[in-house]
Amino acid sequence: MSQTKREQVISHLRYLRQELREMHLDINQDGLFPEPGELRGMMAQMEALLELVEGNTRIQSNSEAA
């Protein structure tokens, strides 16, 4: 994985981890569940991360097949 992609993945994971921690604390401390928009945002971030990682995997698979 190239250095810039690795940095992007690390950045996405740090952001997602922090958001999930905050949601977990809200649920445990206050019994408040996240808003649907927050959950949709998290899902969009995870999908973007998956596309970033899968895009790199597809490139490697194509170059290995050649």
PDB file of N, CA and C in Angstrom:
ATOM      1  N   MET A   1       0.857  -1.170   0.000  1.00  0.00           N
ATOM      2  CA  MET A   1       0.000   0.000   0.000  1.00  0.00           C
ATOM      3  C   MET A   1       0.902   1.230   0.000  1.00  0.00           C
ATOM      4  N   SER A   2       0.600   2.188  -0.847  1.00  0.00           N
ATOM      5  CA  SER A   2       1.431   3.379  -0.909  1.00  0.00           C
ATOM      6  C   SER A   2       1.313   4.174   0.387  1.00  0.00           C
ATOM      7  N   GLN A   3       2.299   5.006   0.624  1.00  0.00           N
ATOM      8  CA  GLN A   3       2.343   5.766   1.871  1.00  0.00           C
ATOM      9  C   GLN A   3       1.139   6.694   2.009  1.00  0.00           C
ATOM     10  N   THR A   4       0.722   7.358   0.930  1.00  0.00           N
ATOM     11  CA  THR A   4      -0.413   8.273   1.030  1.00  0.00           C
ATOM     12  C   THR A   4      -1.703   7.519   1.322  1.00  0.00           C
ATOM     13  N   LYS A   5      -1.900   6.368   0.702  1.00  0.00           N
ATOM     14  CA  LYS A   5      -3.095   5.564   0.983  1.00  0.00           C
ATOM     15  C   LYS A   5      -3.064   5.066   2.413  1.00  0.00           C
ATOM     16  N   ARG A   6      -1.901   4.662   2.869  1.00  0.00           N
ATOM     17  CA  ARG A   6      -1.764   4.201   4.244  1.00  0.00           C
ATOM     18  C   ARG A   6      -2.130   5.329   5.213  1.00  0.00           C
ATOM     19  N   GLU A   7      -1.667   6.533   4.930  1.00  0.00           N
ATOM     20  CA  GLU A   7      -1.991   7.677   5.772  1.00  0.00           C
ATOM     21  C   GLU A   7      -3.489   7.973   5.740  1.00  0.00           C
ATOM     22  N   GLN A   8      -4.114   7.824   4.578  1.00  0.00           N
ATOM     23  CA  GLN A   8      -5.556   8.038   4.468  1.00  0.00           C
ATOM     24  C   GLN A   8      -6.318   7.001   5.293  1.00  0.00           C
ATOM     25  N   VAL A   9      -5.901   5.756   5.212  1.00  0.00           N
ATOM     26  CA  VAL A   9      -6.557   4.687   5.966  1.00  0.00           C
ATOM     27  C   VAL A   9      -6.402   4.940   7.464  1.00  0.00           C
ATOM     28  N   ILE A  10      -5.203   5.293   7.892  1.00  0.00           N
ATOM     29  CA  ILE A  10      -4.956   5.572   9.306  1.00  0.00           C
ATOM     30  C   ILE A  10      -5.823   6.731   9.777  1.00  0.00           C
ATOM     31  N   SER A  11      -5.924   7.767   8.963  1.00  0.00           N
ATOM     32  CA  SER A  11      -6.738   8.921   9.315  1.00  0.00           C
ATOM     33  C   SER A  11      -8.209   8.541   9.439  1.00  0.00           C
ATOM     34  N   HIS A  12      -8.716   7.780   8.481  1.00  0.00           N
ATOM     35  CA  HIS A  12     -10.113   7.316   8.532  1.00  0.00           C
ATOM     36  C   HIS A  12     -10.358   6.489   9.788  1.00  0.00           C
ATOM     37  N   LEU A  13      -9.445   5.566  10.081  1.00  0.00           N
ATOM     38  CA  LEU A  13      -9.619   4.693  11.237  1.00  0.00           C
ATOM     39  C   LEU A  13      -9.593   5.479  12.551  1.00  0.00           C
ATOM     40  N   ARG A  14      -8.709   6.455  12.649  1.00  0.00           N
ATOM     41  CA  ARG A  14      -8.662   7.279  13.864  1.00  0.00           C
ATOM     42  C   ARG A  14      -9.961   8.050  14.049  1.00  0.00           C
ATOM     43  N   TYR A  15     -10.469   8.616  12.972  1.00  0.00           N
ATOM     44  CA  TYR A  15     -11.720   9.357  13.044  1.00  0.00           C
ATOM     45  C   TYR A  15     -12.871   8.441  13.461  1.00  0.00           C
ATOM     46  N   LEU A  16     -12.983   7.302  12.806  1.00  0.00           N
ATOM     47  CA  LEU A  16     -14.055   6.359  13.122  1.00  0.00           C
ATOM     48  C   LEU A  16     -13.952   5.866  14.565  1.00  0.00           C
ATOM     49  N   ARG A  17     -12.759   5.591  15.000  1.00  0.00           N
ATOM     50  CA  ARG A  17     -12.549   5.113  16.363  1.00  0.00           C
ATOM     51  C   ARG A  17     -13.011   6.155  17.385  1.00  0.00           C
ATOM     52  N   GLN A  18     -12.663   7.413  17.149  1.00  0.00           N
ATOM     53  CA  GLN A  18     -13.068   8.477  18.058  1.00  0.00           C
ATOM     54  C   GLN A  18     -14.588   8.649  18.076  1.00  0.00           C
ATOM     55  N   GLU A  19     -15.196   8.624  16.912  1.00  0.00           N
ATOM     56  CA  GLU A  19     -16.653   8.767  16.831  1.00  0.00           C
ATOM     57  C   GLU A  19     -17.358   7.612  17.543  1.00  0.00           C
ATOM     58  N   LEU A  20     -16.871   6.412  17.351  1.00  0.00           N
ATOM     59  CA  LEU A  20     -17.471   5.251  18.002  1.00  0.00           C
ATOM     60  C   LEU A  20     -17.296   5.301  19.518  1.00  0.00           C
ATOM     61  N   ARG A  21     -16.140   5.794  19.973  1.00  0.00           N
ATOM     62  CA  ARG A  21     -15.931   5.951  21.411  1.00  0.00           C
ATOM     63  C   ARG A  21     -16.956   6.926  22.002  1.00  0.00           C
ATOM     64  N   GLU A  22     -17.165   8.048  21.321  1.00  0.00           N
ATOM     65  CA  GLU A  22     -18.123   9.044  21.797  1.00  0.00           C
ATOM     66  C   GLU A  22     -19.538   8.466  21.835  1.00  0.00           C
ATOM     67  N   MET A  23     -19.915   7.725  20.801  1.00  0.00           N
ATOM     68  CA  MET A  23     -21.233   7.103  20.779  1.00  0.00           C
ATOM     69  C   MET A  23     -21.368   6.102  21.918  1.00  0.00           C
ATOM     70  N   HIS A  24     -20.346   5.314  22.140  1.00  0.00           N
ATOM     71  CA  HIS A  24     -20.366   4.321  23.210  1.00  0.00           C
ATOM     72  C   HIS A  24     -20.533   4.987  24.574  1.00  0.00           C
ATOM     73  N   LEU A  25     -19.806   6.071  24.815  1.00  0.00           N
ATOM     74  CA  LEU A  25     -19.927   6.788  26.083  1.00  0.00           C
ATOM     75  C   LEU A  25     -21.331   7.356  26.263  1.00  0.00           C
ATOM     76  N   ASP A  26     -21.882   7.919  25.209  1.00  0.00           N
ATOM     77  CA  ASP A  26     -23.239   8.468  25.294  1.00  0.00           C
ATOM     78  C   ASP A  26     -24.251   7.382  25.652  1.00  0.00           C
ATOM     79  N   ILE A  27     -24.099   6.231  25.043  1.00  0.00           N
ATOM     80  CA  ILE A  27     -25.026   5.130  25.321  1.00  0.00           C
ATOM     81  C   ILE A  27     -24.863   4.647  26.758  1.00  0.00           C
ATOM     82  N   ASN A  28     -23.633   4.460  27.200  1.00  0.00           N
ATOM     83  CA  ASN A  28     -23.389   3.941  28.551  1.00  0.00           C
ATOM     84  C   ASN A  28     -23.748   4.943  29.646  1.00  0.00           C
ATOM     85  N   GLN A  29     -23.376   6.200  29.464  1.00  0.00           N
ATOM     86  CA  GLN A  29     -23.573   7.181  30.522  1.00  0.00           C
ATOM     87  C   GLN A  29     -25.000   7.713  30.574  1.00  0.00           C
ATOM     88  N   ASP A  30     -25.546   8.039  29.439  1.00  0.00           N
ATOM     89  CA  ASP A  30     -26.833   8.727  29.405  1.00  0.00           C
ATOM     90  C   ASP A  30     -27.969   7.886  28.840  1.00  0.00           C
ATOM     91  N   GLY A  31     -27.638   6.750  28.275  1.00  0.00           N
ATOM     92  CA  GLY A  31     -28.667   5.936  27.638  1.00  0.00           C
ATOM     93  C   GLY A  31     -29.181   6.564  26.352  1.00  0.00           C
ATOM     94  N   LEU A  32     -28.401   7.495  25.805  1.00  0.00           N
ATOM     95  CA  LEU A  32     -28.805   8.171  24.566  1.00  0.00           C
ATOM     96  C   LEU A  32     -28.233   7.444  23.362  1.00  0.00           C
ATOM     97  N   PHE A  33     -29.098   7.131  22.437  1.00  0.00           N
ATOM     98  CA  PHE A  33     -28.651   6.498  21.209  1.00  0.00           C
ATOM     99  C   PHE A  33     -28.331   7.570  20.178  1.00  0.00           C
ATOM    100  N   PRO A  34     -27.398   7.293  19.269  1.00  0.00           N
ATOM    101  CA  PRO A  34     -27.033   8.289  18.262  1.00  0.00           C
ATOM    102  C   PRO A  34     -28.193   8.593  17.317  1.00  0.00           C
ATOM    103  N   GLU A  35     -28.152   9.786  16.767  1.00  0.00           N
ATOM    104  CA  GLU A  35     -29.147  10.194  15.774  1.00  0.00           C
ATOM    105  C   GLU A  35     -28.940   9.361  14.501  1.00  0.00           C
ATOM    106  N   PRO A  36     -30.012   9.130  13.757  1.00  0.00           N
ATOM    107  CA  PRO A  36     -29.872   8.376  12.498  1.00  0.00           C
ATOM    108  C   PRO A  36     -28.855   9.006  11.540  1.00  0.00           C
ATOM    109  N   GLY A  37     -28.792  10.319  11.509  1.00  0.00           N
ATOM    110  CA  GLY A  37     -27.823  10.990  10.636  1.00  0.00           C
ATOM    111  C   GLY A  37     -26.387  10.699  11.028  1.00  0.00           C
ATOM    112  N   GLU A  38     -26.145  10.595  12.334  1.00  0.00           N
ATOM    113  CA  GLU A  38     -24.801  10.245  12.807  1.00  0.00           C
ATOM    114  C   GLU A  38     -24.419   8.849  12.345  1.00  0.00           C
ATOM    115  N   LEU A  39     -25.379   7.938  12.454  1.00  0.00           N
ATOM    116  CA  LEU A  39     -25.106   6.561  12.020  1.00  0.00           C
ATOM    117  C   LEU A  39     -24.876   6.490  10.519  1.00  0.00           C
ATOM    118  N   ARG A  40     -25.672   7.236   9.766  1.00  0.00           N
ATOM    119  CA  ARG A  40     -25.468   7.260   8.308  1.00  0.00           C
ATOM    120  C   ARG A  40     -24.090   7.820   7.966  1.00  0.00           C
ATOM    121  N   GLY A  41     -23.665   8.836   8.695  1.00  0.00           N
ATOM    122  CA  GLY A  41     -22.335   9.415   8.471  1.00  0.00           C
ATOM    123  C   GLY A  41     -21.231   8.419   8.749  1.00  0.00           C
ATOM    124  N   MET A  42     -21.391   7.652   9.833  1.00  0.00           N
ATOM    125  CA  MET A  42     -20.392   6.640  10.163  1.00  0.00           C
ATOM    126  C   MET A  42     -20.350   5.553   9.087  1.00  0.00           C
ATOM    127  N   MET A  43     -21.524   5.148   8.624  1.00  0.00           N
ATOM    128  CA  MET A  43     -21.581   4.132   7.565  1.00  0.00           C
ATOM    129  C   MET A  43     -20.907   4.650   6.290  1.00  0.00           C
ATOM    130  N   ALA A  44     -21.136   5.915   5.964  1.00  0.00           N
ATOM    131  CA  ALA A  44     -20.508   6.495   4.772  1.00  0.00           C
ATOM    132  C   ALA A  44     -18.991   6.520   4.924  1.00  0.00           C
ATOM    133  N   GLN A  45     -18.504   6.844   6.124  1.00  0.00           N
ATOM    134  CA  GLN A  45     -17.065   6.840   6.361  1.00  0.00           C
ATOM    135  C   GLN A  45     -16.493   5.428   6.227  1.00  0.00           C
ATOM    136  N   MET A  46     -17.206   4.444   6.748  1.00  0.00           N
ATOM    137  CA  MET A  46     -16.731   3.061   6.639  1.00  0.00           C
ATOM    138  C   MET A  46     -16.736   2.590   5.189  1.00  0.00           C
ATOM    139  N   GLU A  47     -17.762   2.982   4.424  1.00  0.00           N
ATOM    140  CA  GLU A  47     -17.802   2.615   3.012  1.00  0.00           C
ATOM    141  C   GLU A  47     -16.656   3.264   2.247  1.00  0.00           C
ATOM    142  N   ALA A  48     -16.346   4.523   2.564  1.00  0.00           N
ATOM    143  CA  ALA A  48     -15.226   5.202   1.907  1.00  0.00           C
ATOM    144  C   ALA A  48     -13.914   4.499   2.236  1.00  0.00           C
ATOM    145  N   LEU A  49     -13.764   4.090   3.473  1.00  0.00           N
ATOM    146  CA  LEU A  49     -12.557   3.373   3.869  1.00  0.00           C
ATOM    147  C   LEU A  49     -12.461   2.035   3.146  1.00  0.00           C
ATOM    148  N   LEU A  50     -13.568   1.325   3.065  1.00  0.00           N
ATOM    149  CA  LEU A  50     -13.590   0.044   2.363  1.00  0.00           C
ATOM    150  C   LEU A  50     -13.225   0.223   0.887  1.00  0.00           C
ATOM    151  N   GLU A  51     -13.775   1.242   0.252  1.00  0.00           N
ATOM    152  CA  GLU A  51     -13.450   1.502  -1.154  1.00  0.00           C
ATOM    153  C   GLU A  51     -11.976   1.817  -1.326  1.00  0.00           C
ATOM    154  N   LEU A  52     -11.425   2.576  -0.400  1.00  0.00           N
ATOM    155  CA  LEU A  52     -10.009   2.921  -0.466  1.00  0.00           C
ATOM    156  C   LEU A  52      -9.151   1.664  -0.370  1.00  0.00           C
ATOM    157  N   VAL A  53      -9.492   0.797   0.563  1.00  0.00           N
ATOM    158  CA  VAL A  53      -8.723  -0.433   0.754  1.00  0.00           C
ATOM    159  C   VAL A  53      -8.951  -1.404  -0.405  1.00  0.00           C
ATOM    160  N   GLU A  54     -10.210  -1.588  -0.817  1.00  0.00           N
ATOM    161  CA  GLU A  54     -10.501  -2.504  -1.910  1.00  0.00           C
ATOM    162  C   GLU A  54      -9.915  -2.015  -3.225  1.00  0.00           C
ATOM    163  N   GLY A  55      -9.886  -0.717  -3.430  1.00  0.00           N
ATOM    164  CA  GLY A  55      -9.295  -0.170  -4.647  1.00  0.00           C
ATOM    165  C   GLY A  55      -7.844  -0.568  -4.758  1.00  0.00           C
ATOM    166  N   ASN A  56      -7.137  -0.531  -3.652  1.00  0.00           N
ATOM    167  CA  ASN A  56      -5.738  -0.923  -3.640  1.00  0.00           C
ATOM    168  C   ASN A  56      -5.613  -2.427  -3.870  1.00  0.00           C
ATOM    169  N   THR A  57      -6.503  -3.224  -3.323  1.00  0.00           N
ATOM    170  CA  THR A  57      -6.463  -4.677  -3.495  1.00  0.00           C
ATOM    171  C   THR A  57      -6.710  -5.040  -4.946  1.00  0.00           C
ATOM    172  N   ARG A  58      -7.673  -4.370  -5.580  1.00  0.00           N
ATOM    173  CA  ARG A  58      -7.961  -4.653  -6.991  1.00  0.00           C
ATOM    174  C   ARG A  58      -6.760  -4.352  -7.872  1.00  0.00           C
ATOM    175  N   ILE A  59      -6.062  -3.260  -7.588  1.00  0.00           N
ATOM    176  CA  ILE A  59      -4.886  -2.892  -8.382  1.00  0.00           C
ATOM    177  C   ILE A  59      -3.818  -3.962  -8.223  1.00  0.00           C
ATOM    178  N   GLN A  60      -3.580  -4.429  -6.979  1.00  0.00           N
ATOM    179  CA  GLN A  60      -2.580  -5.452  -6.748  1.00  0.00           C
ATOM    180  C   GLN A  60      -2.975  -6.752  -7.434  1.00  0.00           C
ATOM    181  N   SER A  61      -4.242  -7.126  -7.379  1.00  0.00           N
ATOM    182  CA  SER A  61      -4.701  -8.370  -8.002  1.00  0.00           C
ATOM    183  C   SER A  61      -4.510  -8.318  -9.513  1.00  0.00           C
ATOM    184  N   ASN A  62      -4.815  -7.178 -10.130  1.00  0.00           N
ATOM    185  CA  ASN A  62      -4.646  -7.038 -11.568  1.00  0.00           C
ATOM    186  C   ASN A  62      -3.178  -7.087 -11.962  1.00  0.00           C
ATOM    187  N   SER A  63      -2.304  -6.484 -11.192  1.00  0.00           N
ATOM    188  CA  SER A  63      -0.893  -6.495 -11.543  1.00  0.00           C
ATOM    189  C   SER A  63      -0.285  -7.884 -11.319  1.00  0.00           C
ATOM    190  N   GLU A  64      -0.799  -8.633 -10.327  1.00  0.00           N
ATOM    191  CA  GLU A  64      -0.293  -9.986 -10.102  1.00  0.00           C
ATOM    192  C   GLU A  64      -0.732 -10.936 -11.205  1.00  0.00           C
ATOM    193  N   ALA A  65      -1.915 -10.695 -11.771  1.00  0.00           N
ATOM    194  CA  ALA A  65      -2.440 -11.559 -12.843  1.00  0.00           C
ATOM    195  C   ALA A  65      -1.660 -11.373 -14.132  1.00  0.00           C
ATOM    196  N   ALA A  66      -1.054 -10.211 -14.318  1.00  0.00           N
ATOM    197  CA  ALA A  66      -0.338  -9.923 -15.566  1.00  0.00           C
ATOM    198  C   ALA A  66       0.985 -10.625 -15.662  1.00  0.00           C
TER     199      ALA A  66
END
